[in-house]
Amino acid sequence: MAAVGTDMSNDLGVDGNKQGGTEVKNGLVTLLATPAVEDGRIDADKARQAANVYQEAIPHLAKLMIDSTDLTALGVLKALNDKIKQQNEKEENPPDG
């Protein structure tokens, strides 16, 4: 254990962070991100992506309610559906999920 006033600069990186499995933030030593926290971030990112696809689809769905033969709207929605299927395959989810 280091005595008070001992130079511990060898333990700190150039940016003042402790080297190894911890980080120094606001003068406190904290653990690095845990897997559960990272999983939560990934899930939140997936939810944001799904919301953006949904927002992109809404105007085209509205067009189809007015004219069910609107080829532009059908094409855009098919492309969005294909994008969702590809992402599901990448994540090994059911294609219709």
PDB file of N, CA and C in Angstrom:
ATOM      1  N   MET A   1       0.849  -1.171   0.000  1.00  0.00           N
ATOM      2  CA  MET A   1       0.000   0.000   0.000  1.00  0.00           C
ATOM      3  C   MET A   1       0.891   1.228   0.000  1.00  0.00           C
ATOM      4  N   ALA A   2       0.557   2.215  -0.798  1.00  0.00           N
ATOM      5  CA  ALA A   2       1.364   3.423  -0.922  1.00  0.00           C
ATOM      6  C   ALA A   2       1.088   4.361   0.239  1.00  0.00           C
ATOM      7  N   ALA A   3       2.134   5.014   0.672  1.00  0.00           N
ATOM      8  CA  ALA A   3       1.987   5.987   1.750  1.00  0.00           C
ATOM      9  C   ALA A   3       1.403   7.262   1.188  1.00  0.00           C
ATOM     10  N   VAL A   4       0.768   8.042   2.057  1.00  0.00           N
ATOM     11  CA  VAL A   4       0.183   9.307   1.640  1.00  0.00           C
ATOM     12  C   VAL A   4       1.302  10.198   1.111  1.00  0.00           C
ATOM     13  N   GLY A   5       1.053  10.804  -0.028  1.00  0.00           N
ATOM     14  CA  GLY A   5       2.039  11.693  -0.618  1.00  0.00           C
ATOM     15  C   GLY A   5       2.991  10.984  -1.559  1.00  0.00           C
ATOM     16  N   THR A   6       2.880   9.674  -1.678  1.00  0.00           N
ATOM     17  CA  THR A   6       3.747   8.929  -2.577  1.00  0.00           C
ATOM     18  C   THR A   6       3.333   9.184  -4.007  1.00  0.00           C
ATOM     19  N   ASP A   7       4.292   9.354  -4.879  1.00  0.00           N
ATOM     20  CA  ASP A   7       4.009   9.580  -6.297  1.00  0.00           C
ATOM     21  C   ASP A   7       3.517   8.279  -6.920  1.00  0.00           C
ATOM     22  N   MET A   8       2.264   8.263  -7.382  1.00  0.00           N
ATOM     23  CA  MET A   8       1.694   7.077  -7.997  1.00  0.00           C
ATOM     24  C   MET A   8       1.498   7.277  -9.492  1.00  0.00           C
ATOM     25  N   SER A   9       2.289   8.168 -10.101  1.00  0.00           N
ATOM     26  CA  SER A   9       2.110   8.490 -11.513  1.00  0.00           C
ATOM     27  C   SER A   9       2.337   7.287 -12.414  1.00  0.00           C
ATOM     28  N   ASN A  10       3.076   6.283 -11.941  1.00  0.00           N
ATOM     29  CA  ASN A  10       3.294   5.090 -12.758  1.00  0.00           C
ATOM     30  C   ASN A  10       2.022   4.289 -12.930  1.00  0.00           C
ATOM     31  N   ASP A  11       1.074   4.430 -12.014  1.00  0.00           N
ATOM     32  CA  ASP A  11      -0.178   3.679 -12.078  1.00  0.00           C
ATOM     33  C   ASP A  11      -1.206   4.341 -12.980  1.00  0.00           C
ATOM     34  N   LEU A  12      -1.006   5.595 -13.325  1.00  0.00           N
ATOM     35  CA  LEU A  12      -1.988   6.333 -14.105  1.00  0.00           C
ATOM     36  C   LEU A  12      -1.498   6.533 -15.529  1.00  0.00           C
ATOM     37  N   GLY A  13      -2.420   6.504 -16.462  1.00  0.00           N
ATOM     38  CA  GLY A  13      -2.088   6.763 -17.854  1.00  0.00           C
ATOM     39  C   GLY A  13      -1.928   8.252 -18.087  1.00  0.00           C
ATOM     40  N   VAL A  14      -1.634   8.622 -19.295  1.00  0.00           N
ATOM     41  CA  VAL A  14      -1.434  10.014 -19.666  1.00  0.00           C
ATOM     42  C   VAL A  14      -2.668  10.851 -19.379  1.00  0.00           C
ATOM     43  N   ASP A  15      -3.861  10.266 -19.573  1.00  0.00           N
ATOM     44  CA  ASP A  15      -5.112  10.986 -19.363  1.00  0.00           C
ATOM     45  C   ASP A  15      -5.583  10.935 -17.921  1.00  0.00           C
ATOM     46  N   GLY A  16      -4.803  10.339 -17.020  1.00  0.00           N
ATOM     47  CA  GLY A  16      -5.173  10.288 -15.612  1.00  0.00           C
ATOM     48  C   GLY A  16      -6.012   9.078 -15.257  1.00  0.00           C
ATOM     49  N   ASN A  17      -6.286   8.212 -16.226  1.00  0.00           N
ATOM     50  CA  ASN A  17      -7.067   7.009 -15.946  1.00  0.00           C
ATOM     51  C   ASN A  17      -6.172   5.918 -15.396  1.00  0.00           C
ATOM     52  N   LYS A  18      -6.697   5.168 -14.476  1.00  0.00           N
ATOM     53  CA  LYS A  18      -5.969   4.029 -13.913  1.00  0.00           C
ATOM     54  C   LYS A  18      -5.836   2.971 -14.991  1.00  0.00           C
ATOM     55  N   GLN A  19      -4.679   2.406 -15.094  1.00  0.00           N
ATOM     56  CA  GLN A  19      -4.434   1.375 -16.088  1.00  0.00           C
ATOM     57  C   GLN A  19      -4.988   0.040 -15.598  1.00  0.00           C
ATOM     58  N   GLY A  20      -5.527  -0.758 -16.494  1.00  0.00           N
ATOM     59  CA  GLY A  20      -6.039  -2.066 -16.126  1.00  0.00           C
ATOM     60  C   GLY A  20      -7.548  -2.096 -16.219  1.00  0.00           C
ATOM     61  N   GLY A  21      -8.211  -2.744 -15.256  1.00  0.00           N
ATOM     62  CA  GLY A  21      -9.638  -2.993 -15.321  1.00  0.00           C
ATOM     63  C   GLY A  21     -10.513  -1.934 -14.700  1.00  0.00           C
ATOM     64  N   THR A  22      -9.963  -0.792 -14.317  1.00  0.00           N
ATOM     65  CA  THR A  22     -10.786   0.257 -13.725  1.00  0.00           C
ATOM     66  C   THR A  22     -10.519   1.583 -14.409  1.00  0.00           C
ATOM     67  N   GLU A  23     -11.421   2.518 -14.205  1.00  0.00           N
ATOM     68  CA  GLU A  23     -11.265   3.864 -14.727  1.00  0.00           C
ATOM     69  C   GLU A  23     -11.410   4.845 -13.581  1.00  0.00           C
ATOM     70  N   VAL A  24     -10.719   5.966 -13.680  1.00  0.00           N
ATOM     71  CA  VAL A  24     -10.869   7.004 -12.680  1.00  0.00           C
ATOM     72  C   VAL A  24     -11.804   8.059 -13.259  1.00  0.00           C
ATOM     73  N   LYS A  25     -12.929   8.268 -12.605  1.00  0.00           N
ATOM     74  CA  LYS A  25     -13.911   9.266 -13.054  1.00  0.00           C
ATOM     75  C   LYS A  25     -14.265  10.139 -11.866  1.00  0.00           C
ATOM     76  N   ASN A  26     -14.141  11.425 -12.040  1.00  0.00           N
ATOM     77  CA  ASN A  26     -14.470  12.373 -10.970  1.00  0.00           C
ATOM     78  C   ASN A  26     -13.783  11.995  -9.659  1.00  0.00           C
ATOM     79  N   GLY A  27     -12.574  11.497  -9.761  1.00  0.00           N
ATOM     80  CA  GLY A  27     -11.831  11.151  -8.562  1.00  0.00           C
ATOM     81  C   GLY A  27     -12.194   9.810  -7.957  1.00  0.00           C
ATOM     82  N   LEU A  28     -13.137   9.070  -8.576  1.00  0.00           N
ATOM     83  CA  LEU A  28     -13.556   7.776  -8.053  1.00  0.00           C
ATOM     84  C   LEU A  28     -13.112   6.673  -9.009  1.00  0.00           C
ATOM     85  N   VAL A  29     -12.704   5.559  -8.455  1.00  0.00           N
ATOM     86  CA  VAL A  29     -12.335   4.414  -9.267  1.00  0.00           C
ATOM     87  C   VAL A  29     -13.602   3.606  -9.505  1.00  0.00           C
ATOM     88  N   THR A  30     -13.916   3.358 -10.792  1.00  0.00           N
ATOM     89  CA  THR A  30     -15.115   2.608 -11.137  1.00  0.00           C
ATOM     90  C   THR A  30     -14.741   1.433 -12.022  1.00  0.00           C
ATOM     91  N   LEU A  31     -15.561   0.397 -12.011  1.00  0.00           N
ATOM     92  CA  LEU A  31     -15.353  -0.750 -12.880  1.00  0.00           C
ATOM     93  C   LEU A  31     -15.723  -0.395 -14.303  1.00  0.00           C
ATOM     94  N   LEU A  32     -15.173  -1.131 -15.231  1.00  0.00           N
ATOM     95  CA  LEU A  32     -15.559  -0.952 -16.628  1.00  0.00           C
ATOM     96  C   LEU A  32     -16.985  -1.457 -16.832  1.00  0.00           C
ATOM     97  N   ALA A  33     -17.563  -1.176 -17.988  1.00  0.00           N
ATOM     98  CA  ALA A  33     -18.951  -1.558 -18.275  1.00  0.00           C
ATOM     99  C   ALA A  33     -19.148  -3.056 -18.075  1.00  0.00           C
ATOM    100  N   THR A  34     -20.260  -3.409 -17.478  1.00  0.00           N
ATOM    101  CA  THR A  34     -20.579  -4.821 -17.271  1.00  0.00           C
ATOM    102  C   THR A  34     -21.351  -5.345 -18.470  1.00  0.00           C
ATOM    103  N   PRO A  35     -21.332  -6.652 -18.705  1.00  0.00           N
ATOM    104  CA  PRO A  35     -22.068  -7.192 -19.857  1.00  0.00           C
ATOM    105  C   PRO A  35     -23.552  -6.863 -19.829  1.00  0.00           C
ATOM    106  N   ALA A  36     -24.179  -6.883 -18.658  1.00  0.00           N
ATOM    107  CA  ALA A  36     -25.615  -6.591 -18.581  1.00  0.00           C
ATOM    108  C   ALA A  36     -25.908  -5.168 -19.036  1.00  0.00           C
ATOM    109  N   VAL A  37     -25.062  -4.239 -18.662  1.00  0.00           N
ATOM    110  CA  VAL A  37     -25.244  -2.846 -19.090  1.00  0.00           C
ATOM    111  C   VAL A  37     -25.069  -2.744 -20.595  1.00  0.00           C
ATOM    112  N   GLU A  38     -24.065  -3.419 -21.114  1.00  0.00           N
ATOM    113  CA  GLU A  38     -23.828  -3.392 -22.558  1.00  0.00           C
ATOM    114  C   GLU A  38     -24.999  -4.020 -23.309  1.00  0.00           C
ATOM    115  N   ASP A  39     -25.551  -5.118 -22.775  1.00  0.00           N
ATOM    116  CA  ASP A  39     -26.731  -5.735 -23.397  1.00  0.00           C
ATOM    117  C   ASP A  39     -27.896  -4.755 -23.418  1.00  0.00           C
ATOM    118  N   GLY A  40     -28.073  -3.992 -22.356  1.00  0.00           N
ATOM    119  CA  GLY A  40     -29.133  -2.989 -22.299  1.00  0.00           C
ATOM    120  C   GLY A  40     -28.944  -1.921 -23.352  1.00  0.00           C
ATOM    121  N   ARG A  41     -27.705  -1.510 -23.552  1.00  0.00           N
ATOM    122  CA  ARG A  41     -27.411  -0.506 -24.584  1.00  0.00           C
ATOM    123  C   ARG A  41     -27.713  -1.051 -25.975  1.00  0.00           C
ATOM    124  N   ILE A  42     -27.355  -2.308 -26.201  1.00  0.00           N
ATOM    125  CA  ILE A  42     -27.619  -2.928 -27.496  1.00  0.00           C
ATOM    126  C   ILE A  42     -29.120  -3.019 -27.738  1.00  0.00           C
ATOM    127  N   ASP A  43     -29.870  -3.449 -26.715  1.00  0.00           N
ATOM    128  CA  ASP A  43     -31.328  -3.539 -26.850  1.00  0.00           C
ATOM    129  C   ASP A  43     -31.944  -2.170 -27.123  1.00  0.00           C
ATOM    130  N   ALA A  44     -31.458  -1.149 -26.440  1.00  0.00           N
ATOM    131  CA  ALA A  44     -31.972   0.206 -26.652  1.00  0.00           C
ATOM    132  C   ALA A  44     -31.660   0.687 -28.068  1.00  0.00           C
ATOM    133  N   ASP A  45     -30.475   0.345 -28.572  1.00  0.00           N
ATOM    134  CA  ASP A  45     -30.114   0.732 -29.931  1.00  0.00           C
ATOM    135  C   ASP A  45     -31.014   0.033 -30.949  1.00  0.00           C
ATOM    136  N   LYS A  46     -31.320  -1.246 -30.709  1.00  0.00           N
ATOM    137  CA  LYS A  46     -32.232  -1.972 -31.598  1.00  0.00           C
ATOM    138  C   LYS A  46     -33.620  -1.343 -31.587  1.00  0.00           C
ATOM    139  N   ALA A  47     -34.070  -0.928 -30.417  1.00  0.00           N
ATOM    140  CA  ALA A  47     -35.394  -0.294 -30.312  1.00  0.00           C
ATOM    141  C   ALA A  47     -35.418   1.023 -31.070  1.00  0.00           C
ATOM    142  N   ARG A  48     -34.319   1.793 -30.980  1.00  0.00           N
ATOM    143  CA  ARG A  48     -34.241   3.057 -31.735  1.00  0.00           C
ATOM    144  C   ARG A  48     -34.266   2.794 -33.238  1.00  0.00           C
ATOM    145  N   GLN A  49     -33.544   1.774 -33.682  1.00  0.00           N
ATOM    146  CA  GLN A  49     -33.535   1.448 -35.110  1.00  0.00           C
ATOM    147  C   GLN A  49     -34.926   1.031 -35.582  1.00  0.00           C
ATOM    148  N   ALA A  50     -35.607   0.232 -34.790  1.00  0.00           N
ATOM    149  CA  ALA A  50     -36.963  -0.203 -35.150  1.00  0.00           C
ATOM    150  C   ALA A  50     -37.902   0.984 -35.227  1.00  0.00           C
ATOM    151  N   ALA A  51     -37.762   1.925 -34.288  1.00  0.00           N
ATOM    152  CA  ALA A  51     -38.620   3.116 -34.292  1.00  0.00           C
ATOM    153  C   ALA A  51     -38.365   3.945 -35.542  1.00  0.00           C
ATOM    154  N   ASN A  52     -37.081   4.056 -35.981  1.00  0.00           N
ATOM    155  CA  ASN A  52     -36.788   4.825 -37.208  1.00  0.00           C
ATOM    156  C   ASN A  52     -37.390   4.177 -38.424  1.00  0.00           C
ATOM    157  N   VAL A  53     -37.372   2.821 -38.512  1.00  0.00           N
ATOM    158  CA  VAL A  53     -37.975   2.113 -39.645  1.00  0.00           C
ATOM    159  C   VAL A  53     -39.482   2.336 -39.626  1.00  0.00           C
ATOM    160  N   TYR A  54     -40.079   2.246 -38.434  1.00  0.00           N
ATOM    161  CA  TYR A  54     -41.518   2.453 -38.295  1.00  0.00           C
ATOM    162  C   TYR A  54     -41.893   3.872 -38.744  1.00  0.00           C
ATOM    163  N   GLN A  55     -41.126   4.861 -38.310  1.00  0.00           N
ATOM    164  CA  GLN A  55     -41.406   6.250 -38.691  1.00  0.00           C
ATOM    165  C   GLN A  55     -41.277   6.441 -40.203  1.00  0.00           C
ATOM    166  N   GLU A  56     -40.348   5.731 -40.805  1.00  0.00           N
ATOM    167  CA  GLU A  56     -40.173   5.823 -42.253  1.00  0.00           C
ATOM    168  C   GLU A  56     -41.337   5.167 -42.999  1.00  0.00           C
ATOM    169  N   ALA A  57     -41.934   4.138 -42.401  1.00  0.00           N
ATOM    170  CA  ALA A  57     -43.016   3.398 -43.055  1.00  0.00           C
ATOM    171  C   ALA A  57     -44.364   4.109 -42.955  1.00  0.00           C
ATOM    172  N   ILE A  58     -44.584   4.872 -41.899  1.00  0.00           N
ATOM    173  CA  ILE A  58     -45.896   5.480 -41.646  1.00  0.00           C
ATOM    174  C   ILE A  58     -46.453   6.267 -42.838  1.00  0.00           C
ATOM    175  N   PRO A  59     -45.695   7.191 -43.448  1.00  0.00           N
ATOM    176  CA  PRO A  59     -46.286   7.954 -44.556  1.00  0.00           C
ATOM    177  C   PRO A  59     -46.673   7.068 -45.749  1.00  0.00           C
ATOM    178  N   HIS A  60     -45.904   6.010 -45.977  1.00  0.00           N
ATOM    179  CA  HIS A  60     -46.204   5.123 -47.100  1.00  0.00           C
ATOM    180  C   HIS A  60     -47.427   4.250 -46.814  1.00  0.00           C
ATOM    181  N   LEU A  61     -47.582   3.880 -45.550  1.00  0.00           N
ATOM    182  CA  LEU A  61     -48.796   3.156 -45.165  1.00  0.00           C
ATOM    183  C   LEU A  61     -50.026   4.047 -45.341  1.00  0.00           C
ATOM    184  N   ALA A  62     -49.877   5.320 -45.010  1.00  0.00           N
ATOM    185  CA  ALA A  62     -50.988   6.265 -45.179  1.00  0.00           C
ATOM    186  C   ALA A  62     -51.356   6.407 -46.658  1.00  0.00           C
ATOM    187  N   LYS A  63     -50.333   6.436 -47.523  1.00  0.00           N
ATOM    188  CA  LYS A  63     -50.605   6.516 -48.969  1.00  0.00           C
ATOM    189  C   LYS A  63     -51.391   5.299 -49.439  1.00  0.00           C
ATOM    190  N   LEU A  64     -51.030   4.127 -48.906  1.00  0.00           N
ATOM    191  CA  LEU A  64     -51.733   2.904 -49.314  1.00  0.00           C
ATOM    192  C   LEU A  64     -53.177   2.882 -48.827  1.00  0.00           C
ATOM    193  N   MET A  65     -53.453   3.564 -47.731  1.00  0.00           N
ATOM    194  CA  MET A  65     -54.834   3.642 -47.252  1.00  0.00           C
ATOM    195  C   MET A  65     -55.691   4.457 -48.215  1.00  0.00           C
ATOM    196  N   ILE A  66     -55.063   5.408 -48.896  1.00  0.00           N
ATOM    197  CA  ILE A  66     -55.770   6.237 -49.868  1.00  0.00           C
ATOM    198  C   ILE A  66     -55.833   5.531 -51.218  1.00  0.00           C
ATOM    199  N   ASP A  67     -54.698   4.972 -51.636  1.00  0.00           N
ATOM    200  CA  ASP A  67     -54.624   4.283 -52.930  1.00  0.00           C
ATOM    201  C   ASP A  67     -53.823   2.999 -52.742  1.00  0.00           C
ATOM    202  N   SER A  68     -54.521   1.899 -52.665  1.00  0.00           N
ATOM    203  CA  SER A  68     -53.859   0.620 -52.377  1.00  0.00           C
ATOM    204  C   SER A  68     -53.006   0.108 -53.540  1.00  0.00           C
ATOM    205  N   THR A  69     -53.027   0.817 -54.669  1.00  0.00           N
ATOM    206  CA  THR A  69     -52.205   0.407 -55.816  1.00  0.00           C
ATOM    207  C   THR A  69     -51.004   1.321 -56.024  1.00  0.00           C
ATOM    208  N   ASP A  70     -50.688   2.168 -55.059  1.00  0.00           N
ATOM    209  CA  ASP A  70     -49.556   3.095 -55.164  1.00  0.00           C
ATOM    210  C   ASP A  70     -48.255   2.290 -55.195  1.00  0.00           C
ATOM    211  N   LEU A  71     -47.679   2.180 -56.397  1.00  0.00           N
ATOM    212  CA  LEU A  71     -46.493   1.345 -56.583  1.00  0.00           C
ATOM    213  C   LEU A  71     -45.264   1.896 -55.851  1.00  0.00           C
ATOM    214  N   THR A  72     -45.161   3.202 -55.736  1.00  0.00           N
ATOM    215  CA  THR A  72     -44.034   3.790 -55.015  1.00  0.00           C
ATOM    216  C   THR A  72     -44.084   3.399 -53.545  1.00  0.00           C
ATOM    217  N   ALA A  73     -45.238   3.554 -52.930  1.00  0.00           N
ATOM    218  CA  ALA A  73     -45.395   3.206 -51.520  1.00  0.00           C
ATOM    219  C   ALA A  73     -45.157   1.715 -51.305  1.00  0.00           C
ATOM    220  N   LEU A  74     -45.701   0.889 -52.202  1.00  0.00           N
ATOM    221  CA  LEU A  74     -45.493  -0.560 -52.095  1.00  0.00           C
ATOM    222  C   LEU A  74     -44.015  -0.920 -52.208  1.00  0.00           C
ATOM    223  N   GLY A  75     -43.314  -0.246 -53.101  1.00  0.00           N
ATOM    224  CA  GLY A  75     -41.880  -0.506 -53.290  1.00  0.00           C
ATOM    225  C   GLY A  75     -41.059  -0.124 -52.066  1.00  0.00           C
ATOM    226  N   VAL A  76     -41.377   1.039 -51.494  1.00  0.00           N
ATOM    227  CA  VAL A  76     -40.644   1.477 -50.299  1.00  0.00           C
ATOM    228  C   VAL A  76     -40.902   0.532 -49.135  1.00  0.00           C
ATOM    229  N   LEU A  77     -42.155   0.130 -48.957  1.00  0.00           N
ATOM    230  CA  LEU A  77     -42.489  -0.781 -47.860  1.00  0.00           C
ATOM    231  C   LEU A  77     -41.850  -2.158 -48.060  1.00  0.00           C
ATOM    232  N   LYS A  78     -41.769  -2.612 -49.304  1.00  0.00           N
ATOM    233  CA  LYS A  78     -41.100  -3.887 -49.575  1.00  0.00           C
ATOM    234  C   LYS A  78     -39.620  -3.780 -49.228  1.00  0.00           C
ATOM    235  N   ALA A  79     -38.991  -2.656 -49.585  1.00  0.00           N
ATOM    236  CA  ALA A  79     -37.574  -2.460 -49.267  1.00  0.00           C
ATOM    237  C   ALA A  79     -37.351  -2.433 -47.755  1.00  0.00           C
ATOM    238  N   LEU A  80     -38.243  -1.766 -47.020  1.00  0.00           N
ATOM    239  CA  LEU A  80     -38.133  -1.737 -45.562  1.00  0.00           C
ATOM    240  C   LEU A  80     -38.315  -3.136 -44.978  1.00  0.00           C
ATOM    241  N   ASN A  81     -39.252  -3.878 -45.525  1.00  0.00           N
ATOM    242  CA  ASN A  81     -39.485  -5.243 -45.058  1.00  0.00           C
ATOM    243  C   ASN A  81     -38.254  -6.126 -45.311  1.00  0.00           C
ATOM    244  N   ASP A  82     -37.644  -5.966 -46.483  1.00  0.00           N
ATOM    245  CA  ASP A  82     -36.427  -6.725 -46.792  1.00  0.00           C
ATOM    246  C   ASP A  82     -35.298  -6.360 -45.835  1.00  0.00           C
ATOM    247  N   LYS A  83     -35.213  -5.075 -45.498  1.00  0.00           N
ATOM    248  CA  LYS A  83     -34.191  -4.609 -44.546  1.00  0.00           C
ATOM    249  C   LYS A  83     -34.394  -5.269 -43.177  1.00  0.00           C
ATOM    250  N   ILE A  84     -35.638  -5.359 -42.749  1.00  0.00           N
ATOM    251  CA  ILE A  84     -35.961  -5.988 -41.462  1.00  0.00           C
ATOM    252  C   ILE A  84     -35.601  -7.479 -41.502  1.00  0.00           C
ATOM    253  N   LYS A  85     -35.945  -8.146 -42.605  1.00  0.00           N
ATOM    254  CA  LYS A  85     -35.637  -9.576 -42.737  1.00  0.00           C
ATOM    255  C   LYS A  85     -34.137  -9.829 -42.701  1.00  0.00           C
ATOM    256  N   GLN A  86     -33.372  -8.981 -43.399  1.00  0.00           N
ATOM    257  CA  GLN A  86     -31.911  -9.129 -43.397  1.00  0.00           C
ATOM    258  C   GLN A  86     -31.343  -8.957 -41.999  1.00  0.00           C
ATOM    259  N   GLN A  87     -31.845  -7.972 -41.275  1.00  0.00           N
ATOM    260  CA  GLN A  87     -31.377  -7.741 -39.908  1.00  0.00           C
ATOM    261  C   GLN A  87     -31.735  -8.928 -39.014  1.00  0.00           C
ATOM    262  N   ASN A  88     -32.932  -9.473 -39.200  1.00  0.00           N
ATOM    263  CA  ASN A  88     -33.344 -10.649 -38.424  1.00  0.00           C
ATOM    264  C   ASN A  88     -32.439 -11.845 -38.705  1.00  0.00           C
ATOM    265  N   GLU A  89     -32.093 -12.058 -39.970  1.00  0.00           N
ATOM    266  CA  GLU A  89     -31.182 -13.150 -40.310  1.00  0.00           C
ATOM    267  C   GLU A  89     -29.815 -12.933 -39.674  1.00  0.00           C
ATOM    268  N   LYS A  90     -29.344 -11.698 -39.721  1.00  0.00           N
ATOM    269  CA  LYS A  90     -28.035 -11.360 -39.145  1.00  0.00           C
ATOM    270  C   LYS A  90     -28.025 -11.655 -37.635  1.00  0.00           C
ATOM    271  N   GLU A  91     -29.133 -11.357 -36.963  1.00  0.00           N
ATOM    272  CA  GLU A  91     -29.235 -11.561 -35.521  1.00  0.00           C
ATOM    273  C   GLU A  91     -29.783 -12.935 -35.154  1.00  0.00           C
ATOM    274  N   GLU A  92     -29.978 -13.780 -36.187  1.00  0.00           N
ATOM    275  CA  GLU A  92     -30.498 -15.140 -35.995  1.00  0.00           C
ATOM    276  C   GLU A  92     -31.871 -15.163 -35.318  1.00  0.00           C
ATOM    277  N   ASN A  93     -32.715 -14.203 -35.692  1.00  0.00           N
ATOM    278  CA  ASN A  93     -34.107 -14.144 -35.231  1.00  0.00           C
ATOM    279  C   ASN A  93     -35.001 -14.711 -36.332  1.00  0.00           C
ATOM    280  N   PRO A  94     -36.244 -15.064 -36.000  1.00  0.00           N
ATOM    281  CA  PRO A  94     -37.159 -15.525 -37.051  1.00  0.00           C
ATOM    282  C   PRO A  94     -37.330 -14.428 -38.117  1.00  0.00           C
ATOM    283  N   PRO A  95     -37.404 -14.787 -39.390  1.00  0.00           N
ATOM    284  CA  PRO A  95     -37.468 -13.782 -40.449  1.00  0.00           C
ATOM    285  C   PRO A  95     -38.661 -12.843 -40.336  1.00  0.00           C
ATOM    286  N   ASP A  96     -39.764 -13.320 -39.757  1.00  0.00           N
ATOM    287  CA  ASP A  96     -40.951 -12.469 -39.644  1.00  0.00           C
ATOM    288  C   ASP A  96     -41.034 -11.753 -38.314  1.00  0.00           C
ATOM    289  N   GLY A  97     -39.962 -11.793 -37.539  1.00  0.00           N
ATOM    290  CA  GLY A  97     -39.974 -11.183 -36.196  1.00  0.00           C
ATOM    291  C   GLY A  97     -39.888  -9.684 -36.229  1.00  0.00           C
TER     292      GLY A  97
END
